[in-house]
C-alpha atoms as a PDB file:
ATOM      1  CA  MET A   1       0.000   0.000   0.000  1.00  0.00           C
ATOM      2  CA  VAL A   2       1.354   3.463  -0.934  1.00  0.00           C
ATOM      3  CA  VAL A   3       0.532   6.568   1.133  1.00  0.00           C
ATOM      4  CA  ALA A   4       1.466  10.079  -0.208  1.00  0.00           C
ATOM      5  CA  GLY A   5       1.750  13.290   1.820  1.00  0.00           C
ATOM      6  CA  VAL A   6       3.620  16.603   2.286  1.00  0.00           C
ATOM      7  CA  ASP A   7       7.037  16.580   3.714  1.00  0.00           C
ATOM      8  CA  PRO A   8       6.860  17.514   7.346  1.00  0.00           C
ATOM      9  CA  THR A   9      10.176  19.325   7.104  1.00  0.00           C
ATOM     10  CA  GLY A  10       8.684  21.974   4.848  1.00  0.00           C
ATOM     11  CA  ALA A  11      11.263  21.491   2.131  1.00  0.00           C
ATOM     12  CA  GLY A  12       8.621  21.172  -0.550  1.00  0.00           C
ATOM     13  CA  SER A  13       8.951  17.474  -1.014  1.00  0.00           C
ATOM     14  CA  HIS A  14       6.400  14.666  -1.018  1.00  0.00           C
ATOM     15  CA  VAL A  15       6.559  11.707   1.299  1.00  0.00           C
ATOM     16  CA  SER A  16       5.311   8.326   0.146  1.00  0.00           C
ATOM     17  CA  SER A  17       5.252   5.178   2.190  1.00  0.00           C
ATOM     18  CA  THR A  18       4.909   1.604   1.104  1.00  0.00           C
ATOM     19  CA  ALA A  19       3.595  -1.033   3.494  1.00  0.00           C
ATOM     20  CA  ARG A  20       4.416  -4.661   2.862  1.00  0.00           C
ATOM     21  CA  PRO A  21       1.856  -7.133   4.017  1.00  0.00           C
ATOM     22  CA  SER A  22       3.022  -9.773   6.421  1.00  0.00           C
ATOM     23  CA  LEU A  23       1.756 -13.040   7.760  1.00  0.00           C
ATOM     24  CA  ALA A  24       0.056 -13.386  11.110  1.00  0.00           C
ATOM     25  CA  GLY A  25       2.482 -12.916  13.931  1.00  0.00           C
ATOM     26  CA  GLU A  26       5.160 -11.186  11.772  1.00  0.00           C
ATOM     27  CA  PRO A  27       6.073  -7.455  11.861  1.00  0.00           C
ATOM     28  CA  VAL A  28       4.850  -5.175   9.091  1.00  0.00           C
ATOM     29  CA  ALA A  29       7.583  -3.324   7.169  1.00  0.00           C
ATOM     30  CA  VAL A  30       6.796   0.238   6.166  1.00  0.00           C
ATOM     31  CA  VAL A  31       9.177   2.008   3.696  1.00  0.00           C
ATOM     32  CA  ALA A  32       8.875   5.813   3.475  1.00  0.00           C
ATOM     33  CA  THR A  33      10.350   7.663   0.440  1.00  0.00           C
ATOM     34  CA  VAL A  34      10.767  11.446   0.287  1.00  0.00           C
ATOM     35  CA  LYS A  35      10.618  12.978  -3.216  1.00  0.00           C
ATOM     36  CA  PRO A  36      11.241  16.685  -4.023  1.00  0.00           C
ATOM     37  CA  CYS A  37       8.435  18.743  -5.472  1.00  0.00           C
ATOM     38  CA  VAL A  38       8.625  20.423  -8.843  1.00  0.00           C
ATOM     39  CA  GLY A  39      10.546  23.670  -8.731  1.00  0.00           C
ATOM     40  CA  SER A  40      12.254  22.891  -5.475  1.00  0.00           C
ATOM     41  CA  ALA A  41      15.743  21.919  -4.794  1.00  0.00           C
ATOM     42  CA  PRO A  42      16.444  18.274  -5.008  1.00  0.00           C
ATOM     43  CA  ALA A  43      16.482  16.591  -1.677  1.00  0.00           C
ATOM     44  CA  PRO A  44      18.156  13.414  -0.851  1.00  0.00           C
ATOM     45  CA  GLN A  45      15.915  10.400  -0.826  1.00  0.00           C
ATOM     46  CA  THR A  46      15.439   8.993   2.608  1.00  0.00           C
ATOM     47  CA  THR A  47      14.107   5.590   3.304  1.00  0.00           C
ATOM     48  CA  VAL A  48      12.658   4.876   6.756  1.00  0.00           C
ATOM     49  CA  ASP A  49      12.002   1.315   7.729  1.00  0.00           C
ATOM     50  CA  VAL A  50       9.230   1.284  10.318  1.00  0.00           C
ATOM     51  CA  LYS A  51       8.405  -1.997  11.899  1.00  0.00           C
ATOM     52  CA  THR A  52       5.096  -2.534  13.656  1.00  0.00           C
ATOM     53  CA  PRO A  53       4.950  -4.711  16.752  1.00  0.00           C
ATOM     54  CA  PRO A  54       3.896  -8.294  16.153  1.00  0.00           C
ATOM     55  CA  VAL A  55       0.183  -9.096  16.506  1.00  0.00           C
ATOM     56  CA  GLU A  56      -0.574 -11.855  18.955  1.00  0.00           C
ATOM     57  CA  SER A  57      -2.726 -14.650  17.645  1.00  0.00           C
ATOM     58  CA  LYS A  58      -6.113 -15.062  19.293  1.00  0.00           C
ATOM     59  CA  LYS A  59      -6.118 -18.806  18.844  1.00  0.00           C
ATOM     60  CA  ARG A  60      -6.294 -20.811  22.057  1.00  0.00           C
ATOM     61  CA  PRO A  61      -3.433 -23.198  22.622  1.00  0.00           C
ATOM     62  CA  VAL A  62      -4.294 -26.805  21.905  1.00  0.00           C
ATOM     63  CA  PRO A  63      -4.140 -28.800  25.114  1.00  0.00           C
ATOM     64  CA  THR A  64      -1.734 -31.679  25.137  1.00  0.00           C
ATOM     65  CA  ALA A  65      -1.448 -34.783  27.188  1.00  0.00           C
ATOM     66  CA  ALA A  66       1.353 -33.238  29.211  1.00  0.00           C
ATOM     67  CA  SER A  67      -0.691 -30.156  30.045  1.00  0.00           C
ATOM     68  CA  ASP A  68      -3.753 -32.247  31.023  1.00  0.00           C
ATOM     69  CA  SER A  69      -1.866 -34.561  33.267  1.00  0.00           C
ATOM     70  CA  SER A  70       0.429 -32.036  34.907  1.00  0.00           C
ATOM     71  CA  ASN A  71      -0.083 -29.608  37.708  1.00  0.00           C
ATOM     72  CA  GLY A  72       1.550 -26.290  38.231  1.00  0.00           C
ATOM     73  CA  ASP A  73       4.821 -27.994  39.129  1.00  0.00           C
ATOM     74  CA  GLY A  74       4.837 -30.101  36.007  1.00  0.00           C
ATOM     75  CA  GLN A  75       4.027 -33.251  37.925  1.00  0.00           C
ATOM     76  CA  PRO A  76       1.307 -35.519  36.486  1.00  0.00           C
ATOM     77  CA  GLU A  77      -1.973 -35.509  38.445  1.00  0.00           C
ATOM     78  CA  PRO A  78      -3.657 -38.803  39.352  1.00  0.00           C
ATOM     79  CA  ARG A  79      -6.594 -39.698  37.014  1.00  0.00           C
ATOM     80  CA  LYS A  80      -9.978 -39.216  38.645  1.00  0.00           C
ATOM     81  CA  ALA A  81     -12.574 -41.993  38.547  1.00  0.00           C
ATOM     82  CA  ALA A  82     -15.328 -41.600  35.970  1.00  0.00           C
ATOM     83  CA  ARG A  83     -18.483 -40.135  37.568  1.00  0.00           C
ATOM     84  CA  THR A  84     -21.758 -41.955  36.787  1.00  0.00           C
ATOM     85  CA  LEU A  85     -25.298 -40.423  36.726  1.00  0.00           C
ATOM     86  CA  PHE A  86     -26.787 -42.789  39.326  1.00  0.00           C
ATOM     87  CA  PRO A  87     -25.053 -45.067  41.768  1.00  0.00           C
ATOM     88  CA  ALA A  88     -25.746 -48.778  41.379  1.00  0.00           C
ATOM     89  CA  GLU A  89     -27.963 -48.847  44.498  1.00  0.00           C
ATOM     90  CA  ASP A  90     -30.081 -45.941  43.263  1.00  0.00           C
ATOM     91  CA  PHE A  91     -30.343 -47.531  39.819  1.00  0.00           C
ATOM     92  CA  GLU A  92     -31.579 -50.824  41.311  1.00  0.00           C
ATOM     93  CA  ALA A  93     -34.021 -48.944  43.551  1.00  0.00           C
ATOM     94  CA  ALA A  94     -35.269 -46.988  40.528  1.00  0.00           C
ATOM     95  CA  LYS A  95     -35.700 -50.239  38.578  1.00  0.00           C
ATOM     96  CA  THR A  96     -37.624 -51.748  41.515  1.00  0.00           C
ATOM     97  CA  LYS A  97     -39.804 -48.640  41.786  1.00  0.00           C
ATOM     98  CA  ILE A  98     -40.477 -48.675  38.036  1.00  0.00           C
ATOM     99  CA  ALA A  99     -41.423 -52.364  38.251  1.00  0.00           C
ATOM    100  CA  GLU A 100     -43.766 -51.622  41.173  1.00  0.00           C
ATOM    101  CA  GLN A 101     -45.344 -48.739  39.244  1.00  0.00           C
ATOM    102  CA  ALA A 102     -45.729 -50.985  36.195  1.00  0.00           C
ATOM    103  CA  ALA A 103     -47.441 -53.612  38.384  1.00  0.00           C
ATOM    104  CA  THR A 104     -49.673 -50.908  39.855  1.00  0.00           C
ATOM    105  CA  ILE A 105     -50.548 -49.682  36.352  1.00  0.00           C
ATOM    106  CA  ALA A 106     -51.313 -53.268  35.303  1.00  0.00           C
ATOM    107  CA  ASP A 107     -53.569 -53.678  38.351  1.00  0.00           C
ATOM    108  CA  LEU A 108     -55.285 -50.390  37.536  1.00  0.00           C
ATOM    109  CA  GLU A 109     -55.776 -51.460  33.924  1.00  0.00           C
ATOM    110  CA  SER A 110     -57.195 -54.796  35.106  1.00  0.00           C
ATOM    111  CA  SER A 111     -59.501 -53.003  37.527  1.00  0.00           C
ATOM    112  CA  LEU A 112     -60.488 -50.568  34.779  1.00  0.00           C
ATOM    113  CA  SER A 113     -61.268 -53.415  32.373  1.00  0.00           C
ATOM    114  CA  LEU A 114     -63.252 -55.164  35.118  1.00  0.00           C
ATOM    115  CA  GLU A 115     -65.147 -51.976  35.899  1.00  0.00           C
ATOM    116  CA  THR A 116     -65.726 -51.471  32.173  1.00  0.00           C
ATOM    117  CA  GLY A 117     -67.184 -54.971  31.939  1.00  0.00           C
ATOM    118  CA  MET A 118     -69.333 -54.354  35.000  1.00  0.00           C
ATOM    119  CA  HIS A 119     -70.426 -51.044  33.475  1.00  0.00           C
ATOM    120  CA  GLN A 120     -71.385 -52.819  30.257  1.00  0.00           C
ATOM    121  CA  VAL A 121     -73.298 -55.464  32.238  1.00  0.00           C
ATOM    122  CA  ALA A 122     -75.032 -52.730  34.238  1.00  0.00           C
ATOM    123  CA  ALA A 123     -75.833 -50.880  31.007  1.00  0.00           C
ATOM    124  CA  GLY A 124     -77.358 -54.086  29.618  1.00  0.00           C
ATOM    125  CA  LYS A 125     -79.418 -54.549  32.772  1.00  0.00           C
ATOM    126  CA  VAL A 126     -80.530 -50.922  32.617  1.00  0.00           C
ATOM    127  CA  ALA A 127     -81.534 -51.380  28.983  1.00  0.00           C
ATOM    128  CA  GLY A 128     -83.487 -54.517  29.938  1.00  0.00           C
ATOM    129  CA  LEU A 129     -85.192 -52.701  32.790  1.00  0.00           C
ATOM    130  CA  GLU A 130     -86.034 -49.794  30.490  1.00  0.00           C
ATOM    131  CA  ALA A 131     -87.532 -52.265  28.014  1.00  0.00           C
ATOM    132  CA  GLN A 132     -89.556 -53.854  30.840  1.00  0.00           C
ATOM    133  CA  ILE A 133     -90.672 -50.408  31.991  1.00  0.00           C
ATOM    134  CA  GLY A 134     -91.751 -49.592  28.446  1.00  0.00           C
ATOM    135  CA  ALA A 135     -93.683 -52.871  28.203  1.00  0.00           C
ATOM    136  CA  MET A 136     -95.264 -52.206  31.609  1.00  0.00           C
ATOM    137  CA  SER A 137     -96.188 -48.703  30.463  1.00  0.00           C
ATOM    138  CA  VAL A 138     -97.876 -50.156  27.379  1.00  0.00           C
ATOM    139  CA  TYR A 139     -99.658 -52.739  29.550  1.00  0.00           C
ATOM    140  CA  GLU A 140    -100.662 -49.994  31.977  1.00  0.00           C
ATOM    141  CA  GLY A 141    -102.082 -48.020  29.066  1.00  0.00           C
ATOM    142  CA  SER A 142    -104.113 -51.049  27.950  1.00  0.00           C
ATOM    143  CA  LEU A 143    -105.338 -51.549  31.528  1.00  0.00           C
ATOM    144  CA  LEU A 144    -106.355 -47.899  31.711  1.00  0.00           C
ATOM    145  CA  ARG A 145    -108.261 -48.256  28.449  1.00  0.00           C
ATOM    146  CA  GLU A 146    -109.964 -51.387  29.782  1.00  0.00           C
ATOM    147  CA  LYS A 147    -110.727 -49.534  33.006  1.00  0.00           C
ATOM    148  CA  ASN A 148    -112.297 -46.691  31.056  1.00  0.00           C
ATOM    149  CA  GLY A 149    -114.307 -49.203  29.027  1.00  0.00           C
ATOM    150  CA  ILE A 150    -115.419 -50.962  32.215  1.00  0.00           C
ATOM    151  CA  ALA A 151    -116.371 -47.591  33.708  1.00  0.00           C
ATOM    152  CA  VAL A 152    -118.493 -46.858  30.626  1.00  0.00           C
ATOM    153  CA  GLU A 153    -120.088 -50.310  30.821  1.00  0.00           C
ATOM    154  CA  LEU A 154    -120.649 -49.830  34.550  1.00  0.00           C
ATOM    155  CA  GLY A 155    -122.436 -46.570  33.837  1.00  0.00           C
ATOM    156  CA  THR A 156    -124.582 -48.357  31.251  1.00  0.00           C
ATOM    157  CA  VAL A 157    -125.349 -51.175  33.700  1.00  0.00           C
ATOM    158  CA  LYS A 158    -126.243 -48.662  36.398  1.00  0.00           C
ATOM    159  CA  GLU A 159    -128.581 -46.935  33.976  1.00  0.00           C
ATOM    160  CA  LYS A 160    -130.185 -50.295  33.135  1.00  0.00           C
ATOM    161  CA  LEU A 161    -130.499 -51.132  36.833  1.00  0.00           C
ATOM    162  CA  ARG A 162    -132.187 -47.801  37.424  1.00  0.00           C
ATOM    163  CA  ARG A 163    -134.607 -48.567  34.624  1.00  0.00           C
ATOM    164  CA  VAL A 164    -135.197 -52.050  36.071  1.00  0.00           C
ATOM    165  CA  GLU A 165    -135.881 -50.552  39.477  1.00  0.00           C
ATOM    166  CA  ASN A 166    -138.370 -48.204  37.898  1.00  0.00           C
ATOM    167  CA  GLU A 167    -139.945 -51.129  36.039  1.00  0.00           C
ATOM    168  CA  LYS A 168    -140.102 -53.177  39.237  1.00  0.00           C
ATOM    169  CA  LYS A 169    -141.710 -50.273  40.984  1.00  0.00           C
ATOM    170  CA  GLY A 170    -144.271 -49.973  38.197  1.00  0.00           C
ATOM    171  CA  ILE A 171    -144.899 -53.744  38.263  1.00  0.00           C
ATOM    172  CA  ARG A 172    -145.410 -53.676  41.999  1.00  0.00           C
ATOM    173  CA  GLU A 173    -147.833 -50.810  41.667  1.00  0.00           C
ATOM    174  CA  ALA A 174    -149.657 -52.676  38.891  1.00  0.00           C
ATOM    175  CA  GLN A 175    -149.758 -55.843  40.969  1.00  0.00           C
ATOM    176  CA  HIS A 176    -151.101 -53.887  43.894  1.00  0.00           C
ATOM    177  CA  LYS A 177    -153.831 -52.440  41.683  1.00  0.00           C
ATOM    178  CA  LEU A 178    -154.524 -55.884  40.261  1.00  0.00           C
ATOM    179  CA  PHE A 179    -154.817 -57.333  43.721  1.00  0.00           C
ATOM    180  CA  GLN A 180    -157.187 -54.547  44.682  1.00  0.00           C
ATOM    181  CA  ALA A 181    -159.289 -55.215  41.578  1.00  0.00           C
ATOM    182  CA  ARG A 182    -159.247 -58.950  42.336  1.00  0.00           C
ATOM    183  CA  ASP A 183    -160.394 -58.304  45.859  1.00  0.00           C
ATOM    184  CA  LYS A 184    -163.219 -56.181  44.517  1.00  0.00           C
ATOM    185  CA  GLU A 185    -164.140 -58.867  42.026  1.00  0.00           C
ATOM    186  CA  ARG A 186    -164.099 -61.411  44.803  1.00  0.00           C
ATOM    187  CA  GLU A 187    -166.436 -59.295  46.854  1.00  0.00           C
ATOM    188  CA  LEU A 188    -168.731 -58.928  43.851  1.00  0.00           C
ATOM    189  CA  VAL A 189    -168.636 -62.671  43.212  1.00  0.00           C
ATOM    190  CA  LEU A 190    -169.435 -63.344  46.822  1.00  0.00           C
ATOM    191  CA  LYS A 191    -172.373 -60.965  46.559  1.00  0.00           C
ATOM    192  CA  GLU A 192    -173.524 -62.701  43.389  1.00  0.00           C
ATOM    193  CA  VAL A 193    -173.208 -66.086  45.087  1.00  0.00           C
ATOM    194  CA  ARG A 194    -175.266 -64.921  48.010  1.00  0.00           C
ATOM    195  CA  TRP A 195    -177.851 -63.519  45.610  1.00  0.00           C
ATOM    196  CA  LEU A 196    -177.922 -66.809  43.704  1.00  0.00           C
ATOM    197  CA  GLU A 197    -178.369 -68.673  46.940  1.00  0.00           C
ATOM    198  CA  ILE A 198    -181.329 -66.452  47.718  1.00  0.00           C
ATOM    199  CA  LEU A 199    -182.767 -67.129  44.258  1.00  0.00           C
ATOM    200  CA  ALA A 200    -182.239 -70.850  44.635  1.00  0.00           C
ATOM    201  CA  ALA A 201    -184.053 -70.763  47.950  1.00  0.00           C
ATOM    202  CA  ASP A 202    -186.923 -68.893  46.302  1.00  0.00           C
ATOM    203  CA  ILE A 203    -187.061 -71.476  43.505  1.00  0.00           C
ATOM    204  CA  LEU A 204    -187.301 -74.294  45.952  1.00  0.00           C
ATOM    205  CA  LYS A 205    -190.258 -72.657  47.598  1.00  0.00           C
ATOM    206  CA  GLU A 206    -193.579 -73.755  46.144  1.00  0.00           C
ATOM    207  CA  SER A 207    -195.315 -70.587  47.156  1.00  0.00           C
ATOM    208  CA  VAL A 208    -193.327 -68.489  44.676  1.00  0.00           C
ATOM    209  CA  PRO A 209    -195.240 -67.961  41.427  1.00  0.00           C
ATOM    210  CA  ARG A 210    -193.935 -69.334  38.124  1.00  0.00           C
ATOM    211  CA  SER A 211    -193.379 -65.938  36.556  1.00  0.00           C
ATOM    212  CA  VAL A 212    -191.155 -64.850  39.423  1.00  0.00           C
ATOM    213  CA  LEU A 213    -189.100 -68.018  39.094  1.00  0.00           C
ATOM    214  CA  ASP A 214    -188.672 -67.467  35.335  1.00  0.00           C
ATOM    215  CA  ASN A 215    -187.513 -63.924  35.918  1.00  0.00           C
ATOM    216  CA  SER A 216    -185.085 -65.103  38.562  1.00  0.00           C
ATOM    217  CA  ILE A 217    -183.616 -67.787  36.264  1.00  0.00           C
ATOM    218  CA  TRP A 218    -183.166 -65.323  33.378  1.00  0.00           C
ATOM    219  CA  ALA A 219    -181.587 -62.862  35.764  1.00  0.00           C
ATOM    220  CA  ILE A 220    -179.113 -65.535  36.919  1.00  0.00           C
ATOM    221  CA  ILE A 221    -178.206 -66.405  33.298  1.00  0.00           C
ATOM    222  CA  ALA A 222    -177.689 -62.749  32.387  1.00  0.00           C
ATOM    223  CA  ARG A 223    -175.609 -62.259  35.489  1.00  0.00           C
ATOM    224  CA  PHE A 224    -173.359 -65.207  34.634  1.00  0.00           C
ATOM    225  CA  LYS A 225    -172.876 -63.890  31.081  1.00  0.00           C
ATOM    226  CA  SER A 226    -171.936 -60.457  32.348  1.00  0.00           C
ATOM    227  CA  LEU A 227    -169.498 -62.029  34.806  1.00  0.00           C
ATOM    228  CA  GLN A 228    -167.981 -64.121  32.003  1.00  0.00           C
ATOM    229  CA  THR A 229    -167.612 -61.088  29.734  1.00  0.00           C
ATOM    230  CA  ARG A 230    -166.048 -59.056  32.535  1.00  0.00           C
ATOM    231  CA  ALA A 231    -163.667 -61.891  33.385  1.00  0.00           C
ATOM    232  CA  GLN A 232    -162.564 -62.201  29.752  1.00  0.00           C
ATOM    233  CA  ALA A 233    -162.032 -58.448  29.522  1.00  0.00           C
ATOM    234  CA  GLU A 234    -160.018 -58.418  32.756  1.00  0.00           C
ATOM    235  CA  MET A 235    -157.916 -61.344  31.513  1.00  0.00           C
ATOM    236  CA  ALA A 236    -157.130 -59.567  28.239  1.00  0.00           C
ATOM    237  CA  THR A 237    -156.213 -56.373  30.080  1.00  0.00           C
ATOM    238  CA  ALA A 238    -153.909 -58.257  32.462  1.00  0.00           C
ATOM    239  CA  ARG A 239    -152.153 -60.002  29.573  1.00  0.00           C
ATOM    240  CA  ALA A 240    -151.643 -56.728  27.718  1.00  0.00           C
ATOM    241  CA  ARG A 241    -150.287 -55.068  30.876  1.00  0.00           C
ATOM    242  CA  ALA A 242    -147.908 -57.985  31.481  1.00  0.00           C
ATOM    243  CA  ALA A 243    -146.655 -57.854  27.878  1.00  0.00           C
ATOM    244  CA  SER A 244    -145.978 -54.115  28.099  1.00  0.00           C
ATOM    245  CA  GLN A 245    -144.113 -54.426  31.417  1.00  0.00           C
ATOM    246  CA  VAL A 246    -141.497 -57.008  30.324  1.00  0.00           C
ATOM    247  CA  ILE A 247    -138.053 -56.107  31.718  1.00  0.00           C
ATOM    248  CA  VAL A 248    -135.383 -55.840  28.990  1.00  0.00           C
ATOM    249  CA  LEU A 249    -131.775 -55.832  30.249  1.00  0.00           C
END
């Protein structure tokens, strides 16, 4: 590298320096040359050799076997035993603990599978019970419908019983009237019998004239005919009343 400048002496000359590159760790040589300027008196050329101090390398020294195995006095140090992560006792205890935890996990998995099976069985039972409850609900609905039907039929039967009671009451009243009419007819018949007995006694008497006897006989015949007609009429009326008062359930 060349550097140019003014002569510091003021003699009107130029100073140029040339730096020579060097390797790492070697001094740098700088050569300075003084040249006179134009129009000035010639000056002697002066060469200055400037050496820069050596640059220390920043590389770390490579350790050697002697440096590793020596102390400050240069004596080799005894080799230390290799340090392990876990002692043998701790390693065995850790293995035992891991085995115990694995056994515990296996027991938990077995218990979980057993509980899962029991849960599935319980779910099946619950499903069966729900199906039974549904069937019972359907059966309960059918029973309720039958109950409602029976209630309707019971109401119908009660209505029929009420009608029957009314019919029985009417029949009893009719029978009572019939008995009263029969009693009256019996009284009339008894009166007619007594009257006939009186007529028969008059017929047997010789003192009664023939015309009176004839009138009495014709009166008896007419009376019997009227009784027969009345009896037939009463019989027809009773039959008609009985036919109209038949109880229909």
